[in-house]
Amino acid sequence: MHRVLRQNGRIEIVEPWITPFLQAVHFLCKNHFIRKIWPKLDALSVMIEQERSTYEQWLYQPEVILTLLKRDFQPEQQLIGYGKLMYVGRKQ
């Protein structure tokens, strides 16, 4: 992202982030009955199953990700909650 942004360009990121909320959602994903009655949860479960290695690499390296964001971007806003990282930053 840093390489292709113009000087002072802005990025906006919304990505999954390990929080108690997301941990609870992951717990619910293991319940086949709940997946049958909640299509969005089933869709998330299928995505996790099909992209597990990439998904888990992202989730379980929060310090690395935040360090890289701070290195390359000037943060304007960073919120973590409800299983998401919401980040807005400008190219330094």
N, C-alpha and C. Protein backbone atom coordinates (compact mmCIF):
# COMPACT_ATOMS: atom_id res chain seq x y z
N MET A 1 0.82 -1.19 0.00
CA MET A 1 0.00 0.00 0.00
C MET A 1 0.87 1.25 0.00
N HIS A 2 1.87 1.24 0.84
CA HIS A 2 2.74 2.41 0.97
C HIS A 2 3.39 2.75 -0.36
N ARG A 3 3.82 1.74 -1.09
CA ARG A 3 4.53 1.94 -2.35
C ARG A 3 3.65 2.61 -3.39
N VAL A 4 2.37 2.29 -3.45
CA VAL A 4 1.52 2.80 -4.53
C VAL A 4 0.76 4.07 -4.17
N LEU A 5 0.75 4.44 -2.91
CA LEU A 5 0.06 5.67 -2.51
C LEU A 5 0.87 6.90 -2.90
N ARG A 6 0.18 7.94 -3.28
CA ARG A 6 0.83 9.23 -3.52
C ARG A 6 1.33 9.78 -2.18
N GLN A 7 2.28 10.69 -2.28
CA GLN A 7 2.75 11.36 -1.07
C GLN A 7 1.55 12.00 -0.38
N ASN A 8 1.43 11.79 0.91
CA ASN A 8 0.33 12.28 1.73
C ASN A 8 -1.00 11.58 1.38
N GLY A 9 -0.93 10.47 0.61
CA GLY A 9 -2.14 9.70 0.30
C GLY A 9 -2.70 9.04 1.56
N ARG A 10 -3.96 8.69 1.51
CA ARG A 10 -4.66 8.16 2.68
C ARG A 10 -5.11 6.72 2.44
N ILE A 11 -4.99 5.89 3.48
CA ILE A 11 -5.53 4.53 3.43
C ILE A 11 -6.62 4.39 4.48
N GLU A 12 -7.56 3.54 4.18
CA GLU A 12 -8.61 3.18 5.13
C GLU A 12 -8.69 1.67 5.15
N ILE A 13 -8.53 1.09 6.33
CA ILE A 13 -8.49 -0.36 6.47
C ILE A 13 -9.58 -0.78 7.45
N VAL A 14 -10.33 -1.80 7.08
CA VAL A 14 -11.25 -2.47 8.00
C VAL A 14 -10.96 -3.96 7.84
N GLU A 15 -10.40 -4.55 8.88
CA GLU A 15 -9.98 -5.95 8.82
C GLU A 15 -10.36 -6.64 10.12
N PRO A 16 -10.47 -7.98 10.08
CA PRO A 16 -10.77 -8.70 11.32
C PRO A 16 -9.64 -8.52 12.33
N TRP A 17 -10.03 -8.53 13.61
CA TRP A 17 -9.07 -8.34 14.69
C TRP A 17 -9.52 -9.17 15.87
N ILE A 18 -8.58 -9.83 16.51
CA ILE A 18 -8.96 -10.72 17.60
C ILE A 18 -9.37 -9.89 18.82
N THR A 19 -10.62 -9.99 19.16
CA THR A 19 -11.20 -9.32 20.33
C THR A 19 -12.08 -10.35 21.02
N PRO A 20 -12.51 -10.09 22.25
CA PRO A 20 -13.44 -11.04 22.89
C PRO A 20 -14.68 -11.29 22.03
N PHE A 21 -15.17 -10.27 21.35
CA PHE A 21 -16.34 -10.44 20.49
C PHE A 21 -16.05 -11.45 19.37
N LEU A 22 -14.91 -11.30 18.69
CA LEU A 22 -14.57 -12.21 17.61
C LEU A 22 -14.32 -13.62 18.14
N GLN A 23 -13.74 -13.73 19.31
CA GLN A 23 -13.55 -15.05 19.91
C GLN A 23 -14.89 -15.72 20.17
N ALA A 24 -15.88 -14.95 20.61
CA ALA A 24 -17.22 -15.51 20.83
C ALA A 24 -17.84 -15.94 19.50
N VAL A 25 -17.65 -15.14 18.46
CA VAL A 25 -18.17 -15.51 17.13
C VAL A 25 -17.51 -16.79 16.64
N HIS A 26 -16.20 -16.92 16.84
CA HIS A 26 -15.50 -18.14 16.44
C HIS A 26 -16.06 -19.35 17.20
N PHE A 27 -16.38 -19.16 18.46
CA PHE A 27 -16.98 -20.24 19.26
C PHE A 27 -18.32 -20.65 18.65
N LEU A 28 -19.13 -19.67 18.28
CA LEU A 28 -20.44 -19.97 17.67
C LEU A 28 -20.29 -20.66 16.32
N CYS A 29 -19.22 -20.35 15.60
CA CYS A 29 -18.98 -20.98 14.29
C CYS A 29 -18.84 -22.50 14.40
N LYS A 30 -18.48 -22.98 15.56
CA LYS A 30 -18.29 -24.43 15.76
C LYS A 30 -19.61 -25.16 15.95
N ASN A 31 -20.70 -24.42 16.16
CA ASN A 31 -22.00 -25.02 16.41
C ASN A 31 -22.78 -25.13 15.09
N HIS A 32 -22.97 -26.36 14.62
CA HIS A 32 -23.62 -26.58 13.32
C HIS A 32 -25.08 -26.16 13.33
N PHE A 33 -25.76 -26.29 14.45
CA PHE A 33 -27.16 -25.87 14.52
C PHE A 33 -27.28 -24.35 14.32
N ILE A 34 -26.44 -23.61 15.03
CA ILE A 34 -26.48 -22.15 14.90
C ILE A 34 -26.11 -21.74 13.47
N ARG A 35 -25.15 -22.42 12.87
CA ARG A 35 -24.78 -22.11 11.48
C ARG A 35 -25.95 -22.31 10.53
N LYS A 36 -26.77 -23.32 10.79
CA LYS A 36 -27.92 -23.58 9.90
C LYS A 36 -28.98 -22.50 9.99
N ILE A 37 -29.16 -21.91 11.16
CA ILE A 37 -30.22 -20.90 11.31
C ILE A 37 -29.69 -19.47 11.13
N TRP A 38 -28.39 -19.30 11.00
CA TRP A 38 -27.78 -17.98 10.86
C TRP A 38 -26.85 -17.99 9.63
N PRO A 39 -27.39 -17.69 8.45
CA PRO A 39 -26.61 -17.79 7.21
C PRO A 39 -25.32 -16.97 7.20
N LYS A 40 -25.31 -15.80 7.81
CA LYS A 40 -24.09 -14.99 7.82
C LYS A 40 -22.98 -15.67 8.63
N LEU A 41 -23.37 -16.32 9.72
CA LEU A 41 -22.38 -17.05 10.52
C LEU A 41 -21.84 -18.24 9.72
N ASP A 42 -22.72 -18.90 8.99
CA ASP A 42 -22.27 -20.01 8.15
C ASP A 42 -21.31 -19.51 7.07
N ALA A 43 -21.61 -18.38 6.47
CA ALA A 43 -20.73 -17.81 5.44
C ALA A 43 -19.36 -17.49 6.04
N LEU A 44 -19.33 -16.92 7.23
CA LEU A 44 -18.06 -16.65 7.90
C LEU A 44 -17.31 -17.95 8.16
N SER A 45 -18.02 -18.96 8.63
CA SER A 45 -17.39 -20.25 8.92
C SER A 45 -16.76 -20.85 7.67
N VAL A 46 -17.47 -20.78 6.55
CA VAL A 46 -16.94 -21.31 5.29
C VAL A 46 -15.70 -20.52 4.88
N MET A 47 -15.74 -19.20 5.00
CA MET A 47 -14.58 -18.37 4.65
C MET A 47 -13.38 -18.75 5.52
N ILE A 48 -13.61 -18.92 6.82
CA ILE A 48 -12.51 -19.29 7.72
C ILE A 48 -11.95 -20.64 7.32
N GLU A 49 -12.82 -21.60 7.04
CA GLU A 49 -12.36 -22.94 6.65
C GLU A 49 -11.53 -22.88 5.37
N GLN A 50 -11.93 -22.09 4.41
CA GLN A 50 -11.25 -22.05 3.12
C GLN A 50 -9.99 -21.18 3.12
N GLU A 51 -9.92 -20.23 4.03
CA GLU A 51 -8.77 -19.31 4.05
C GLU A 51 -8.06 -19.33 5.40
N ARG A 52 -8.16 -20.45 6.10
CA ARG A 52 -7.67 -20.54 7.48
C ARG A 52 -6.24 -20.05 7.65
N SER A 53 -5.31 -20.49 6.82
CA SER A 53 -3.91 -20.13 7.07
C SER A 53 -3.69 -18.62 6.96
N THR A 54 -4.24 -17.99 5.93
CA THR A 54 -4.08 -16.54 5.78
C THR A 54 -4.82 -15.80 6.89
N TYR A 55 -6.03 -16.23 7.18
CA TYR A 55 -6.86 -15.59 8.20
C TYR A 55 -6.17 -15.64 9.56
N GLU A 56 -5.65 -16.81 9.93
CA GLU A 56 -5.01 -16.95 11.24
C GLU A 56 -3.67 -16.22 11.29
N GLN A 57 -2.93 -16.19 10.18
CA GLN A 57 -1.68 -15.42 10.17
C GLN A 57 -1.96 -13.96 10.47
N TRP A 58 -3.01 -13.43 9.88
CA TRP A 58 -3.39 -12.03 10.11
C TRP A 58 -3.81 -11.83 11.57
N LEU A 59 -4.70 -12.69 12.06
CA LEU A 59 -5.26 -12.49 13.40
C LEU A 59 -4.23 -12.61 14.51
N TYR A 60 -3.28 -13.51 14.35
CA TYR A 60 -2.39 -13.80 15.46
C TYR A 60 -1.04 -13.10 15.37
N GLN A 61 -0.97 -12.01 14.59
CA GLN A 61 0.23 -11.17 14.53
C GLN A 61 -0.12 -9.70 14.71
N PRO A 62 -0.93 -9.36 15.69
CA PRO A 62 -1.38 -7.97 15.80
C PRO A 62 -0.24 -6.98 16.03
N GLU A 63 0.77 -7.37 16.81
CA GLU A 63 1.87 -6.44 17.08
C GLU A 63 2.63 -6.12 15.80
N VAL A 64 2.87 -7.14 14.98
CA VAL A 64 3.59 -6.95 13.72
C VAL A 64 2.81 -6.01 12.80
N ILE A 65 1.52 -6.25 12.68
CA ILE A 65 0.69 -5.43 11.79
C ILE A 65 0.66 -3.98 12.25
N LEU A 66 0.45 -3.76 13.54
CA LEU A 66 0.41 -2.38 14.05
C LEU A 66 1.76 -1.69 13.89
N THR A 67 2.84 -2.44 14.10
CA THR A 67 4.18 -1.87 13.93
C THR A 67 4.40 -1.43 12.48
N LEU A 68 3.99 -2.26 11.53
CA LEU A 68 4.14 -1.90 10.11
C LEU A 68 3.28 -0.70 9.74
N LEU A 69 2.07 -0.66 10.26
CA LEU A 69 1.21 0.50 9.97
C LEU A 69 1.83 1.78 10.53
N LYS A 70 2.35 1.72 11.75
CA LYS A 70 2.96 2.91 12.37
C LYS A 70 4.23 3.33 11.64
N ARG A 71 4.95 2.34 11.10
CA ARG A 71 6.18 2.65 10.38
C ARG A 71 5.91 3.41 9.08
N ASP A 72 4.87 3.01 8.38
CA ASP A 72 4.64 3.54 7.03
C ASP A 72 3.57 4.62 6.94
N PHE A 73 2.75 4.77 7.97
CA PHE A 73 1.63 5.70 7.90
C PHE A 73 1.51 6.52 9.17
N GLN A 74 1.06 7.74 9.01
CA GLN A 74 0.74 8.60 10.14
C GLN A 74 -0.73 8.33 10.50
N PRO A 75 -0.98 7.74 11.66
CA PRO A 75 -2.37 7.39 11.98
C PRO A 75 -3.24 8.63 12.19
N GLU A 76 -4.42 8.59 11.59
CA GLU A 76 -5.43 9.62 11.82
C GLU A 76 -6.53 9.08 12.72
N GLN A 77 -6.78 7.79 12.60
CA GLN A 77 -7.80 7.16 13.44
C GLN A 77 -7.49 5.67 13.51
N GLN A 78 -7.62 5.12 14.71
CA GLN A 78 -7.45 3.68 14.89
C GLN A 78 -8.43 3.22 15.96
N LEU A 79 -9.34 2.36 15.55
CA LEU A 79 -10.33 1.82 16.48
C LEU A 79 -10.27 0.30 16.41
N ILE A 80 -10.32 -0.33 17.57
CA ILE A 80 -10.37 -1.78 17.64
C ILE A 80 -11.57 -2.15 18.49
N GLY A 81 -12.46 -2.93 17.91
CA GLY A 81 -13.64 -3.37 18.65
C GLY A 81 -14.56 -4.21 17.79
N TYR A 82 -15.36 -5.00 18.45
CA TYR A 82 -16.33 -5.87 17.77
C TYR A 82 -15.67 -6.71 16.68
N GLY A 83 -14.46 -7.16 16.96
CA GLY A 83 -13.78 -8.06 16.02
C GLY A 83 -13.18 -7.40 14.81
N LYS A 84 -12.97 -6.08 14.87
CA LYS A 84 -12.44 -5.36 13.71
C LYS A 84 -11.37 -4.36 14.10
N LEU A 85 -10.43 -4.18 13.18
CA LEU A 85 -9.49 -3.07 13.23
C LEU A 85 -9.97 -2.08 12.18
N MET A 86 -10.22 -0.86 12.60
CA MET A 86 -10.58 0.22 11.68
C MET A 86 -9.46 1.25 11.77
N TYR A 87 -8.75 1.44 10.68
CA TYR A 87 -7.55 2.28 10.68
C TYR A 87 -7.59 3.23 9.50
N VAL A 88 -7.30 4.49 9.78
CA VAL A 88 -7.14 5.50 8.74
C VAL A 88 -5.78 6.14 8.97
N GLY A 89 -4.97 6.21 7.91
CA GLY A 89 -3.66 6.80 8.04
C GLY A 89 -3.21 7.45 6.74
N ARG A 90 -2.21 8.31 6.86
CA ARG A 90 -1.63 9.00 5.69
C ARG A 90 -0.20 8.52 5.50
N LYS A 91 0.18 8.46 4.24
CA LYS A 91 1.55 8.08 3.90
C LYS A 91 2.51 9.11 4.48
N GLN A 92 3.56 8.63 5.11
CA GLN A 92 4.56 9.53 5.70
C GLN A 92 5.60 9.91 4.67
